[in-house]
Each structure stands twice: as structure tokens, then as C-alpha cells.
Amino acid sequence: KEEDAVQFLELNKQLDDTGYMLYDPGERQMNVEEQHKAIAQM
């Protein structure tokens, strides 16, 4: 749901911190509003 944007973004950032994902720690620039829009587009 679009309401999940905050939690989903936080999860992605936590995954980035593992070093096993596409982005390195701190590299993801998406904010909550952009994540909300991305969910709506999907």
C-alpha cells in the first residue's frame, strides 16, 4: 500500500547497509514522497 512507503524505504536502507544490495550505505537518495509515488506507479 502507498501508506507503507516509510517502512519500505527504511527496510531498503537497512538492506543497503548490509553491503549485499545494489546501493552502498547512504547511497540511496529516495525520500518518502518519492517512495510513495513509486508505489502508486507500480
PDB file of all heavy atoms in Angstrom:
ATOM      1  N   LYS A   1       0.842  -1.192   0.000  1.00  0.00           N
ATOM      2  CA  LYS A   1       0.000   0.000   0.000  1.00  0.00           C
ATOM      3  C   LYS A   1       0.880   1.246   0.000  1.00  0.00           C
ATOM      4  O   LYS A   1       2.018   1.212   0.463  1.00  0.00           O
ATOM      5  CB  LYS A   1      -0.880   0.018   1.241  1.00  0.00           C
ATOM      6  CG  LYS A   1      -1.803  -1.163   1.356  1.00  0.00           C
ATOM      7  CD  LYS A   1      -2.544  -1.134   2.663  1.00  0.00           C
ATOM      8  CE  LYS A   1      -3.350  -2.409   2.832  1.00  0.00           C
ATOM      9  NZ  LYS A   1      -3.919  -2.499   4.163  1.00  0.00           N
ATOM     10  N   GLU A   2       0.342   2.337  -0.499  1.00  0.00           N
ATOM     11  CA  GLU A   2       1.089   3.590  -0.519  1.00  0.00           C
ATOM     12  C   GLU A   2       1.449   4.043   0.896  1.00  0.00           C
ATOM     13  O   GLU A   2       2.478   4.685   1.101  1.00  0.00           O
ATOM     14  CB  GLU A   2       0.288   4.662  -1.251  1.00  0.00           C
ATOM     15  CG  GLU A   2       0.144   4.340  -2.737  1.00  0.00           C
ATOM     16  CD  GLU A   2      -0.893   5.182  -3.438  1.00  0.00           C
ATOM     17  OE1 GLU A   2      -0.990   6.379  -3.137  1.00  0.00           O
ATOM     18  OE2 GLU A   2      -1.598   4.619  -4.296  1.00  0.00           O
ATOM     19  N   GLU A   3       0.634   3.651   1.867  1.00  0.00           N
ATOM     20  CA  GLU A   3       0.901   4.009   3.265  1.00  0.00           C
ATOM     21  C   GLU A   3       2.151   3.305   3.808  1.00  0.00           C
ATOM     22  O   GLU A   3       2.675   3.662   4.858  1.00  0.00           O
ATOM     23  CB  GLU A   3      -0.285   3.654   4.166  1.00  0.00           C
ATOM     24  CG  GLU A   3      -1.590   4.307   3.776  1.00  0.00           C
ATOM     25  CD  GLU A   3      -2.343   3.529   2.710  1.00  0.00           C
ATOM     26  OE1 GLU A   3      -2.511   2.297   2.831  1.00  0.00           O
ATOM     27  OE2 GLU A   3      -2.769   4.151   1.725  1.00  0.00           O
ATOM     28  N   ASP A   4       2.613   2.282   3.084  1.00  0.00           N
ATOM     29  CA  ASP A   4       3.790   1.524   3.507  1.00  0.00           C
ATOM     30  C   ASP A   4       5.106   2.184   3.093  1.00  0.00           C
ATOM     31  O   ASP A   4       6.178   1.639   3.353  1.00  0.00           O
ATOM     32  CB  ASP A   4       3.750   0.115   2.912  1.00  0.00           C
ATOM     33  CG  ASP A   4       2.560  -0.695   3.387  1.00  0.00           C
ATOM     34  OD1 ASP A   4       2.103  -0.466   4.527  1.00  0.00           O
ATOM     35  OD2 ASP A   4       2.082  -1.551   2.620  1.00  0.00           O
ATOM     36  N   ALA A   5       5.047   3.350   2.473  1.00  0.00           N
ATOM     37  CA  ALA A   5       6.240   3.991   1.910  1.00  0.00           C
ATOM     38  C   ALA A   5       7.339   4.201   2.951  1.00  0.00           C
ATOM     39  O   ALA A   5       8.511   3.917   2.685  1.00  0.00           O
ATOM     40  CB  ALA A   5       5.873   5.317   1.249  1.00  0.00           C
ATOM     41  N   VAL A   6       6.998   4.683   4.131  1.00  0.00           N
ATOM     42  CA  VAL A   6       8.009   4.972   5.160  1.00  0.00           C
ATOM     43  C   VAL A   6       8.712   3.681   5.574  1.00  0.00           C
ATOM     44  O   VAL A   6       9.949   3.608   5.591  1.00  0.00           O
ATOM     45  CB  VAL A   6       7.378   5.664   6.387  1.00  0.00           C
ATOM     46  CG1 VAL A   6       8.384   5.803   7.507  1.00  0.00           C
ATOM     47  CG2 VAL A   6       6.838   7.027   6.009  1.00  0.00           C
ATOM     48  N   GLN A   7       7.938   2.656   5.872  1.00  0.00           N
ATOM     49  CA  GLN A   7       8.511   1.398   6.325  1.00  0.00           C
ATOM     50  C   GLN A   7       9.319   0.720   5.215  1.00  0.00           C
ATOM     51  O   GLN A   7      10.385   0.147   5.471  1.00  0.00           O
ATOM     52  CB  GLN A   7       7.416   0.447   6.835  1.00  0.00           C
ATOM     53  CG  GLN A   7       6.755   0.908   8.096  1.00  0.00           C
ATOM     54  CD  GLN A   7       5.577   1.859   7.830  1.00  0.00           C
ATOM     55  OE1 GLN A   7       5.282   2.202   6.702  1.00  0.00           O
ATOM     56  NE2 GLN A   7       4.933   2.283   8.896  1.00  0.00           N
ATOM     57  N   PHE A   8       8.823   0.775   3.989  1.00  0.00           N
ATOM     58  CA  PHE A   8       9.513   0.143   2.870  1.00  0.00           C
ATOM     59  C   PHE A   8      10.835   0.839   2.580  1.00  0.00           C
ATOM     60  O   PHE A   8      11.852   0.191   2.325  1.00  0.00           O
ATOM     61  CB  PHE A   8       8.616   0.140   1.636  1.00  0.00           C
ATOM     62  CG  PHE A   8       9.182  -0.634   0.483  1.00  0.00           C
ATOM     63  CD1 PHE A   8       9.345  -2.009   0.568  1.00  0.00           C
ATOM     64  CD2 PHE A   8       9.541  -0.003  -0.689  1.00  0.00           C
ATOM     65  CE1 PHE A   8       9.870  -2.736  -0.496  1.00  0.00           C
ATOM     66  CE2 PHE A   8      10.068  -0.719  -1.754  1.00  0.00           C
ATOM     67  CZ  PHE A   8      10.229  -2.093  -1.661  1.00  0.00           C
ATOM     68  N   LEU A   9      10.831   2.155   2.635  1.00  0.00           N
ATOM     69  CA  LEU A   9      12.064   2.920   2.420  1.00  0.00           C
ATOM     70  C   LEU A   9      13.076   2.599   3.511  1.00  0.00           C
ATOM     71  O   LEU A   9      14.263   2.398   3.229  1.00  0.00           O
ATOM     72  CB  LEU A   9      11.757   4.415   2.371  1.00  0.00           C
ATOM     73  CG  LEU A   9      12.922   5.335   2.044  1.00  0.00           C
ATOM     74  CD1 LEU A   9      13.553   4.984   0.707  1.00  0.00           C
ATOM     75  CD2 LEU A   9      12.457   6.781   2.045  1.00  0.00           C
ATOM     76  N   GLU A  10      12.637   2.517   4.735  1.00  0.00           N
ATOM     77  CA  GLU A  10      13.534   2.185   5.852  1.00  0.00           C
ATOM     78  C   GLU A  10      14.102   0.773   5.678  1.00  0.00           C
ATOM     79  O   GLU A  10      15.292   0.545   5.908  1.00  0.00           O
ATOM     80  CB  GLU A  10      12.810   2.309   7.187  1.00  0.00           C
ATOM     81  CG  GLU A  10      13.680   2.040   8.376  1.00  0.00           C
ATOM     82  CD  GLU A  10      14.878   2.957   8.499  1.00  0.00           C
ATOM     83  OE1 GLU A  10      14.803   4.134   8.126  1.00  0.00           O
ATOM     84  OE2 GLU A  10      15.930   2.458   8.974  1.00  0.00           O
ATOM     85  N   LEU A  11      13.272  -0.159   5.258  1.00  0.00           N
ATOM     86  CA  LEU A  11      13.739  -1.521   5.009  1.00  0.00           C
ATOM     87  C   LEU A  11      14.814  -1.530   3.926  1.00  0.00           C
ATOM     88  O   LEU A  11      15.855  -2.169   4.080  1.00  0.00           O
ATOM     89  CB  LEU A  11      12.579  -2.429   4.605  1.00  0.00           C
ATOM     90  CG  LEU A  11      12.963  -3.834   4.156  1.00  0.00           C
ATOM     91  CD1 LEU A  11      13.620  -4.614   5.286  1.00  0.00           C
ATOM     92  CD2 LEU A  11      11.746  -4.555   3.614  1.00  0.00           C
ATOM     93  N   ASN A  12      14.572  -0.813   2.842  1.00  0.00           N
ATOM     94  CA  ASN A  12      15.555  -0.755   1.768  1.00  0.00           C
ATOM     95  C   ASN A  12      16.873  -0.163   2.246  1.00  0.00           C
ATOM     96  O   ASN A  12      17.946  -0.642   1.886  1.00  0.00           O
ATOM     97  CB  ASN A  12      15.023   0.051   0.578  1.00  0.00           C
ATOM     98  CG  ASN A  12      14.080  -0.757  -0.259  1.00  0.00           C
ATOM     99  OD1 ASN A  12      14.291  -1.933  -0.500  1.00  0.00           O
ATOM    100  ND2 ASN A  12      13.018  -0.127  -0.707  1.00  0.00           N
ATOM    101  N   LYS A  13      16.809   0.873   3.065  1.00  0.00           N
ATOM    102  CA  LYS A  13      18.031   1.484   3.587  1.00  0.00           C
ATOM    103  C   LYS A  13      18.772   0.517   4.509  1.00  0.00           C
ATOM    104  O   LYS A  13      20.006   0.455   4.493  1.00  0.00           O
ATOM    105  CB  LYS A  13      17.717   2.794   4.293  1.00  0.00           C
ATOM    106  CG  LYS A  13      17.326   3.892   3.309  1.00  0.00           C
ATOM    107  CD  LYS A  13      17.048   5.210   3.999  1.00  0.00           C
ATOM    108  CE  LYS A  13      16.714   6.283   2.974  1.00  0.00           C
ATOM    109  NZ  LYS A  13      16.499   7.585   3.586  1.00  0.00           N
ATOM    110  N   GLN A  14      18.027  -0.254   5.307  1.00  0.00           N
ATOM    111  CA  GLN A  14      18.663  -1.248   6.167  1.00  0.00           C
ATOM    112  C   GLN A  14      19.339  -2.330   5.328  1.00  0.00           C
ATOM    113  O   GLN A  14      20.440  -2.781   5.649  1.00  0.00           O
ATOM    114  CB  GLN A  14      17.644  -1.870   7.116  1.00  0.00           C
ATOM    115  CG  GLN A  14      17.185  -0.928   8.202  1.00  0.00           C
ATOM    116  CD  GLN A  14      16.088  -1.543   9.062  1.00  0.00           C
ATOM    117  OE1 GLN A  14      15.719  -2.696   8.914  1.00  0.00           O
ATOM    118  NE2 GLN A  14      15.550  -0.741   9.975  1.00  0.00           N
ATOM    119  N   LEU A  15      18.680  -2.747   4.255  1.00  0.00           N
ATOM    120  CA  LEU A  15      19.276  -3.739   3.359  1.00  0.00           C
ATOM    121  C   LEU A  15      20.527  -3.182   2.683  1.00  0.00           C
ATOM    122  O   LEU A  15      21.509  -3.908   2.498  1.00  0.00           O
ATOM    123  CB  LEU A  15      18.261  -4.195   2.315  1.00  0.00           C
ATOM    124  CG  LEU A  15      17.106  -5.038   2.847  1.00  0.00           C
ATOM    125  CD1 LEU A  15      16.062  -5.251   1.766  1.00  0.00           C
ATOM    126  CD2 LEU A  15      17.615  -6.358   3.385  1.00  0.00           C
ATOM    127  N   ASP A  16      20.498  -1.911   2.310  1.00  0.00           N
ATOM    128  CA  ASP A  16      21.675  -1.277   1.706  1.00  0.00           C
ATOM    129  C   ASP A  16      22.865  -1.342   2.659  1.00  0.00           C
ATOM    130  O   ASP A  16      24.008  -1.529   2.223  1.00  0.00           O
ATOM    131  CB  ASP A  16      21.400   0.189   1.363  1.00  0.00           C
ATOM    132  CG  ASP A  16      20.376   0.363   0.254  1.00  0.00           C
ATOM    133  OD1 ASP A  16      20.108  -0.610  -0.484  1.00  0.00           O
ATOM    134  OD2 ASP A  16      19.843   1.482   0.140  1.00  0.00           O
ATOM    135  N   ASP A  17      22.598  -1.215   3.929  1.00  0.00           N
ATOM    136  CA  ASP A  17      23.665  -1.231   4.936  1.00  0.00           C
ATOM    137  C   ASP A  17      24.349  -2.591   5.052  1.00  0.00           C
ATOM    138  O   ASP A  17      25.443  -2.684   5.602  1.00  0.00           O
ATOM    139  CB  ASP A  17      23.129  -0.808   6.309  1.00  0.00           C
ATOM    140  CG  ASP A  17      22.788   0.675   6.377  1.00  0.00           C
ATOM    141  OD1 ASP A  17      23.264   1.434   5.513  1.00  0.00           O
ATOM    142  OD2 ASP A  17      22.047   1.063   7.301  1.00  0.00           O
ATOM    143  N   THR A  18      23.723  -3.639   4.512  1.00  0.00           N
ATOM    144  CA  THR A  18      24.335  -4.967   4.592  1.00  0.00           C
ATOM    145  C   THR A  18      25.497  -5.124   3.627  1.00  0.00           C
ATOM    146  O   THR A  18      26.336  -5.999   3.811  1.00  0.00           O
ATOM    147  CB  THR A  18      23.310  -6.082   4.294  1.00  0.00           C
ATOM    148  OG1 THR A  18      22.920  -6.014   2.915  1.00  0.00           O
ATOM    149  CG2 THR A  18      22.106  -6.001   5.216  1.00  0.00           C
ATOM    150  N   GLY A  19      25.532  -4.305   2.583  1.00  0.00           N
ATOM    151  CA  GLY A  19      26.590  -4.417   1.590  1.00  0.00           C
ATOM    152  C   GLY A  19      26.304  -5.445   0.508  1.00  0.00           C
ATOM    153  O   GLY A  19      27.106  -5.635  -0.393  1.00  0.00           O
ATOM    154  N   TYR A  20      25.148  -6.114   0.577  1.00  0.00           N
ATOM    155  CA  TYR A  20      24.797  -7.133  -0.404  1.00  0.00           C
ATOM    156  C   TYR A  20      23.795  -6.633  -1.445  1.00  0.00           C
ATOM    157  O   TYR A  20      23.325  -7.421  -2.255  1.00  0.00           O
ATOM    158  CB  TYR A  20      24.207  -8.363   0.295  1.00  0.00           C
ATOM    159  CG  TYR A  20      25.203  -9.091   1.148  1.00  0.00           C
ATOM    160  CD1 TYR A  20      25.139  -9.012   2.530  1.00  0.00           C
ATOM    161  CD2 TYR A  20      26.213  -9.839   0.572  1.00  0.00           C
ATOM    162  CE1 TYR A  20      26.063  -9.673   3.319  1.00  0.00           C
ATOM    163  CE2 TYR A  20      27.144 -10.508   1.353  1.00  0.00           C
ATOM    164  CZ  TYR A  20      27.056 -10.414   2.725  1.00  0.00           C
ATOM    165  OH  TYR A  20      27.962 -11.066   3.492  1.00  0.00           O
ATOM    166  N   MET A  21      23.485  -5.385  -1.423  1.00  0.00           N
ATOM    167  CA  MET A  21      22.461  -4.850  -2.316  1.00  0.00           C
ATOM    168  C   MET A  21      23.092  -3.956  -3.385  1.00  0.00           C
ATOM    169  O   MET A  21      24.293  -3.707  -3.396  1.00  0.00           O
ATOM    170  CB  MET A  21      21.415  -4.077  -1.517  1.00  0.00           C
ATOM    171  CG  MET A  21      20.705  -4.909  -0.446  1.00  0.00           C
ATOM    172  SD  MET A  21      19.909  -6.394  -1.072  1.00  0.00           S
ATOM    173  CE  MET A  21      18.536  -5.694  -1.931  1.00  0.00           C
ATOM    174  N   LEU A  22      22.252  -3.451  -4.283  1.00  0.00           N
ATOM    175  CA  LEU A  22      22.704  -2.600  -5.385  1.00  0.00           C
ATOM    176  C   LEU A  22      23.328  -1.305  -4.876  1.00  0.00           C
ATOM    177  O   LEU A  22      24.337  -0.842  -5.406  1.00  0.00           O
ATOM    178  CB  LEU A  22      21.512  -2.288  -6.302  1.00  0.00           C
ATOM    179  CG  LEU A  22      21.775  -1.390  -7.502  1.00  0.00           C
ATOM    180  CD1 LEU A  22      22.763  -2.054  -8.461  1.00  0.00           C
ATOM    181  CD2 LEU A  22      20.472  -1.088  -8.227  1.00  0.00           C
ATOM    182  N   TYR A  23      22.745  -0.723  -3.837  1.00  0.00           N
ATOM    183  CA  TYR A  23      23.240   0.537  -3.299  1.00  0.00           C
ATOM    184  C   TYR A  23      24.162   0.299  -2.110  1.00  0.00           C
ATOM    185  O   TYR A  23      23.948  -0.616  -1.323  1.00  0.00           O
ATOM    186  CB  TYR A  23      22.078   1.426  -2.836  1.00  0.00           C
ATOM    187  CG  TYR A  23      21.207   1.927  -3.961  1.00  0.00           C
ATOM    188  CD1 TYR A  23      19.988   1.337  -4.232  1.00  0.00           C
ATOM    189  CD2 TYR A  23      21.599   3.002  -4.746  1.00  0.00           C
ATOM    190  CE1 TYR A  23      19.182   1.795  -5.262  1.00  0.00           C
ATOM    191  CE2 TYR A  23      20.805   3.472  -5.778  1.00  0.00           C
ATOM    192  CZ  TYR A  23      19.600   2.859  -6.031  1.00  0.00           C
ATOM    193  OH  TYR A  23      18.812   3.318  -7.044  1.00  0.00           O
ATOM    194  N   ASP A  24      25.153   1.147  -1.988  1.00  0.00           N
ATOM    195  CA  ASP A  24      26.022   1.131  -0.811  1.00  0.00           C
ATOM    196  C   ASP A  24      25.358   1.927   0.304  1.00  0.00           C
ATOM    197  O   ASP A  24      24.454   2.731   0.040  1.00  0.00           O
ATOM    198  CB  ASP A  24      27.380   1.747  -1.140  1.00  0.00           C
ATOM    199  CG  ASP A  24      28.227   0.839  -2.027  1.00  0.00           C
ATOM    200  OD1 ASP A  24      28.129  -0.390  -1.871  1.00  0.00           O
ATOM    201  OD2 ASP A  24      28.976   1.369  -2.865  1.00  0.00           O
ATOM    202  N   PRO A  25      25.787   1.741   1.545  1.00  0.00           N
ATOM    203  CA  PRO A  25      25.202   2.500   2.652  1.00  0.00           C
ATOM    204  C   PRO A  25      25.245   4.012   2.385  1.00  0.00           C
ATOM    205  O   PRO A  25      26.275   4.552   1.968  1.00  0.00           O
ATOM    206  CB  PRO A  25      26.091   2.141   3.834  1.00  0.00           C
ATOM    207  CG  PRO A  25      26.606   0.782   3.505  1.00  0.00           C
ATOM    208  CD  PRO A  25      26.804   0.795   2.004  1.00  0.00           C
ATOM    209  N   GLY A  26      24.086   4.663   2.542  1.00  0.00           N
ATOM    210  CA  GLY A  26      23.989   6.107   2.354  1.00  0.00           C
ATOM    211  C   GLY A  26      23.853   6.555   0.915  1.00  0.00           C
ATOM    212  O   GLY A  26      23.693   7.743   0.639  1.00  0.00           O
ATOM    213  N   GLU A  27      23.908   5.632  -0.020  1.00  0.00           N
ATOM    214  CA  GLU A  27      23.854   5.995  -1.434  1.00  0.00           C
ATOM    215  C   GLU A  27      22.422   6.209  -1.948  1.00  0.00           C
ATOM    216  O   GLU A  27      22.201   6.979  -2.875  1.00  0.00           O
ATOM    217  CB  GLU A  27      24.541   4.911  -2.260  1.00  0.00           C
ATOM    218  CG  GLU A  27      24.747   5.262  -3.702  1.00  0.00           C
ATOM    219  CD  GLU A  27      25.508   4.192  -4.465  1.00  0.00           C
ATOM    220  OE1 GLU A  27      25.855   3.147  -3.880  1.00  0.00           O
ATOM    221  OE2 GLU A  27      25.742   4.397  -5.648  1.00  0.00           O
ATOM    222  N   ARG A  28      21.456   5.555  -1.350  1.00  0.00           N
ATOM    223  CA  ARG A  28      20.053   5.672  -1.802  1.00  0.00           C
ATOM    224  C   ARG A  28      19.559   7.084  -1.506  1.00  0.00           C
ATOM    225  O   ARG A  28      19.559   7.541  -0.379  1.00  0.00           O
ATOM    226  CB  ARG A  28      19.184   4.642  -1.076  1.00  0.00           C
ATOM    227  CG  ARG A  28      17.770   4.551  -1.617  1.00  0.00           C
ATOM    228  CD  ARG A  28      16.963   3.498  -0.900  1.00  0.00           C
ATOM    229  NE  ARG A  28      17.511   2.173  -1.071  1.00  0.00           N
ATOM    230  CZ  ARG A  28      17.180   1.339  -2.064  1.00  0.00           C
ATOM    231  NH1 ARG A  28      16.298   1.707  -2.944  1.00  0.00           N
ATOM    232  NH2 ARG A  28      17.736   0.145  -2.148  1.00  0.00           N
ATOM    233  N   GLN A  29      19.092   7.773  -2.527  1.00  0.00           N
ATOM    234  CA  GLN A  29      18.670   9.160  -2.397  1.00  0.00           C
ATOM    235  C   GLN A  29      17.155   9.343  -2.357  1.00  0.00           C
ATOM    236  O   GLN A  29      16.678  10.465  -2.217  1.00  0.00           O
ATOM    237  CB  GLN A  29      19.245   9.994  -3.556  1.00  0.00           C
ATOM    238  CG  GLN A  29      20.765  10.024  -3.574  1.00  0.00           C
ATOM    239  CD  GLN A  29      21.343  10.656  -2.323  1.00  0.00           C
ATOM    240  OE1 GLN A  29      20.917  11.725  -1.899  1.00  0.00           O
ATOM    241  NE2 GLN A  29      22.304   9.977  -1.717  1.00  0.00           N
ATOM    242  N   MET A  30      16.403   8.276  -2.471  1.00  0.00           N
ATOM    243  CA  MET A  30      14.947   8.374  -2.497  1.00  0.00           C
ATOM    244  C   MET A  30      14.425   8.837  -1.145  1.00  0.00           C
ATOM    245  O   MET A  30      14.887   8.392  -0.104  1.00  0.00           O
ATOM    246  CB  MET A  30      14.342   7.015  -2.852  1.00  0.00           C
ATOM    247  CG  MET A  30      12.826   7.056  -3.006  1.00  0.00           C
ATOM    248  SD  MET A  30      12.128   5.499  -3.594  1.00  0.00           S
ATOM    249  CE  MET A  30      12.504   5.599  -5.329  1.00  0.00           C
ATOM    250  N   ASN A  31      13.450   9.740  -1.177  1.00  0.00           N
ATOM    251  CA  ASN A  31      12.816  10.173   0.060  1.00  0.00           C
ATOM    252  C   ASN A  31      11.416   9.556   0.141  1.00  0.00           C
ATOM    253  O   ASN A  31      10.984   8.849  -0.761  1.00  0.00           O
ATOM    254  CB  ASN A  31      12.777  11.707   0.158  1.00  0.00           C
ATOM    255  CG  ASN A  31      11.965  12.349  -0.949  1.00  0.00           C
ATOM    256  OD1 ASN A  31      10.958  11.829  -1.389  1.00  0.00           O
ATOM    257  ND2 ASN A  31      12.417  13.504  -1.411  1.00  0.00           N
ATOM    258  N   VAL A  32      10.725   9.824   1.225  1.00  0.00           N
ATOM    259  CA  VAL A  32       9.415   9.194   1.462  1.00  0.00           C
ATOM    260  C   VAL A  32       8.412   9.577   0.379  1.00  0.00           C
ATOM    261  O   VAL A  32       7.672   8.722  -0.123  1.00  0.00           O
ATOM    262  CB  VAL A  32       8.871   9.562   2.862  1.00  0.00           C
ATOM    263  CG1 VAL A  32       7.461   9.042   3.051  1.00  0.00           C
ATOM    264  CG2 VAL A  32       9.786   9.023   3.942  1.00  0.00           C
ATOM    265  N   GLU A  33       8.390  10.828  -0.028  1.00  0.00           N
ATOM    266  CA  GLU A  33       7.446  11.255  -1.069  1.00  0.00           C
ATOM    267  C   GLU A  33       7.722  10.526  -2.383  1.00  0.00           C
ATOM    268  O   GLU A  33       6.796  10.069  -3.053  1.00  0.00           O
ATOM    269  CB  GLU A  33       7.541  12.769  -1.284  1.00  0.00           C
ATOM    270  CG  GLU A  33       6.549  13.288  -2.309  1.00  0.00           C
ATOM    271  CD  GLU A  33       6.617  14.793  -2.472  1.00  0.00           C
ATOM    272  OE1 GLU A  33       6.903  15.496  -1.485  1.00  0.00           O
ATOM    273  OE2 GLU A  33       6.392  15.261  -3.598  1.00  0.00           O
ATOM    274  N   GLU A  34       8.982  10.387  -2.745  1.00  0.00           N
ATOM    275  CA  GLU A  34       9.338   9.672  -3.972  1.00  0.00           C
ATOM    276  C   GLU A  34       8.971   8.197  -3.864  1.00  0.00           C
ATOM    277  O   GLU A  34       8.505   7.598  -4.841  1.00  0.00           O
ATOM    278  CB  GLU A  34      10.832   9.833  -4.263  1.00  0.00           C
ATOM    279  CG  GLU A  34      11.219  11.242  -4.639  1.00  0.00           C
ATOM    280  CD  GLU A  34      12.720  11.465  -4.642  1.00  0.00           C
ATOM    281  OE1 GLU A  34      13.447  10.761  -3.894  1.00  0.00           O
ATOM    282  OE2 GLU A  34      13.174  12.353  -5.383  1.00  0.00           O
ATOM    283  N   GLN A  35       9.165   7.598  -2.694  1.00  0.00           N
ATOM    284  CA  GLN A  35       8.802   6.195  -2.498  1.00  0.00           C
ATOM    285  C   GLN A  35       7.289   6.020  -2.601  1.00  0.00           C
ATOM    286  O   GLN A  35       6.810   5.068  -3.200  1.00  0.00           O
ATOM    287  CB  GLN A  35       9.294   5.690  -1.145  1.00  0.00           C
ATOM    288  CG  GLN A  35       9.045   4.218  -0.916  1.00  0.00           C
ATOM    289  CD  GLN A  35       9.860   3.354  -1.852  1.00  0.00           C
ATOM    290  OE1 GLN A  35      11.064   3.299  -1.724  1.00  0.00           O
ATOM    291  NE2 GLN A  35       9.210   2.680  -2.771  1.00  0.00           N
ATOM    292  N   HIS A  36       6.550   6.954  -2.043  1.00  0.00           N
ATOM    293  CA  HIS A  36       5.089   6.933  -2.124  1.00  0.00           C
ATOM    294  C   HIS A  36       4.658   6.956  -3.586  1.00  0.00           C
ATOM    295  O   HIS A  36       3.797   6.160  -4.007  1.00  0.00           O
ATOM    296  CB  HIS A  36       4.523   8.139  -1.362  1.00  0.00           C
ATOM    297  CG  HIS A  36       3.046   8.134  -1.221  1.00  0.00           C
ATOM    298  ND1 HIS A  36       2.215   8.627  -2.195  1.00  0.00           N
ATOM    299  CD2 HIS A  36       2.251   7.699  -0.227  1.00  0.00           C
ATOM    300  CE1 HIS A  36       0.969   8.507  -1.807  1.00  0.00           C
ATOM    301  NE2 HIS A  36       0.962   7.938  -0.612  1.00  0.00           N
ATOM    302  N   LYS A  37       5.249   7.832  -4.378  1.00  0.00           N
ATOM    303  CA  LYS A  37       4.918   7.932  -5.803  1.00  0.00           C
ATOM    304  C   LYS A  37       5.296   6.656  -6.546  1.00  0.00           C
ATOM    305  O   LYS A  37       4.560   6.202  -7.424  1.00  0.00           O
ATOM    306  CB  LYS A  37       5.623   9.132  -6.434  1.00  0.00           C
ATOM    307  CG  LYS A  37       5.041  10.463  -6.015  1.00  0.00           C
ATOM    308  CD  LYS A  37       5.808  11.609  -6.656  1.00  0.00           C
ATOM    309  CE  LYS A  37       5.286  12.946  -6.165  1.00  0.00           C
ATOM    310  NZ  LYS A  37       6.064  14.066  -6.740  1.00  0.00           N
ATOM    311  N   ALA A  38       6.439   6.074  -6.206  1.00  0.00           N
ATOM    312  CA  ALA A  38       6.876   4.843  -6.870  1.00  0.00           C
ATOM    313  C   ALA A  38       5.900   3.702  -6.600  1.00  0.00           C
ATOM    314  O   ALA A  38       5.583   2.926  -7.503  1.00  0.00           O
ATOM    315  CB  ALA A  38       8.284   4.472  -6.403  1.00  0.00           C
ATOM    316  N   ILE A  39       5.412   3.603  -5.378  1.00  0.00           N
ATOM    317  CA  ILE A  39       4.427   2.567  -5.038  1.00  0.00           C
ATOM    318  C   ILE A  39       3.143   2.804  -5.818  1.00  0.00           C
ATOM    319  O   ILE A  39       2.558   1.871  -6.374  1.00  0.00           O
ATOM    320  CB  ILE A  39       4.165   2.527  -3.524  1.00  0.00           C
ATOM    321  CG1 ILE A  39       5.418   2.049  -2.787  1.00  0.00           C
ATOM    322  CG2 ILE A  39       2.967   1.619  -3.196  1.00  0.00           C
ATOM    323  CD1 ILE A  39       5.343   2.184  -1.284  1.00  0.00           C
ATOM    324  N   ALA A  40       2.701   4.047  -5.888  1.00  0.00           N
ATOM    325  CA  ALA A  40       1.482   4.376  -6.632  1.00  0.00           C
ATOM    326  C   ALA A  40       1.646   4.026  -8.113  1.00  0.00           C
ATOM    327  O   ALA A  40       0.721   3.488  -8.737  1.00  0.00           O
ATOM    328  CB  ALA A  40       1.146   5.852  -6.472  1.00  0.00           C
ATOM    329  N   GLN A  41       2.816   4.290  -8.683  1.00  0.00           N
ATOM    330  CA  GLN A  41       3.063   3.967 -10.086  1.00  0.00           C
ATOM    331  C   GLN A  41       3.064   2.455 -10.310  1.00  0.00           C
ATOM    332  O   GLN A  41       2.524   1.973 -11.311  1.00  0.00           O
ATOM    333  CB  GLN A  41       4.384   4.565 -10.556  1.00  0.00           C
ATOM    334  CG  GLN A  41       4.332   6.062 -10.712  1.00  0.00           C
ATOM    335  CD  GLN A  41       5.691   6.671 -11.037  1.00  0.00           C
ATOM    336  OE1 GLN A  41       6.730   6.036 -10.865  1.00  0.00           O
ATOM    337  NE2 GLN A  41       5.676   7.910 -11.486  1.00  0.00           N
ATOM    338  N   MET A  42       3.665   1.711  -9.376  1.00  0.00           N
ATOM    339  CA  MET A  42       3.666   0.247  -9.510  1.00  0.00           C
ATOM    340  C   MET A  42       2.242  -0.295  -9.464  1.00  0.00           C
ATOM    341  O   MET A  42       1.901  -1.207 -10.207  1.00  0.00           O
ATOM    342  CB  MET A  42       4.499  -0.397  -8.405  1.00  0.00           C
ATOM    343  CG  MET A  42       5.977  -0.263  -8.613  1.00  0.00           C
ATOM    344  SD  MET A  42       6.952  -1.217  -7.429  1.00  0.00           S
ATOM    345  CE  MET A  42       6.821  -0.197  -5.966  1.00  0.00           C
TER     346      MET A  42
END
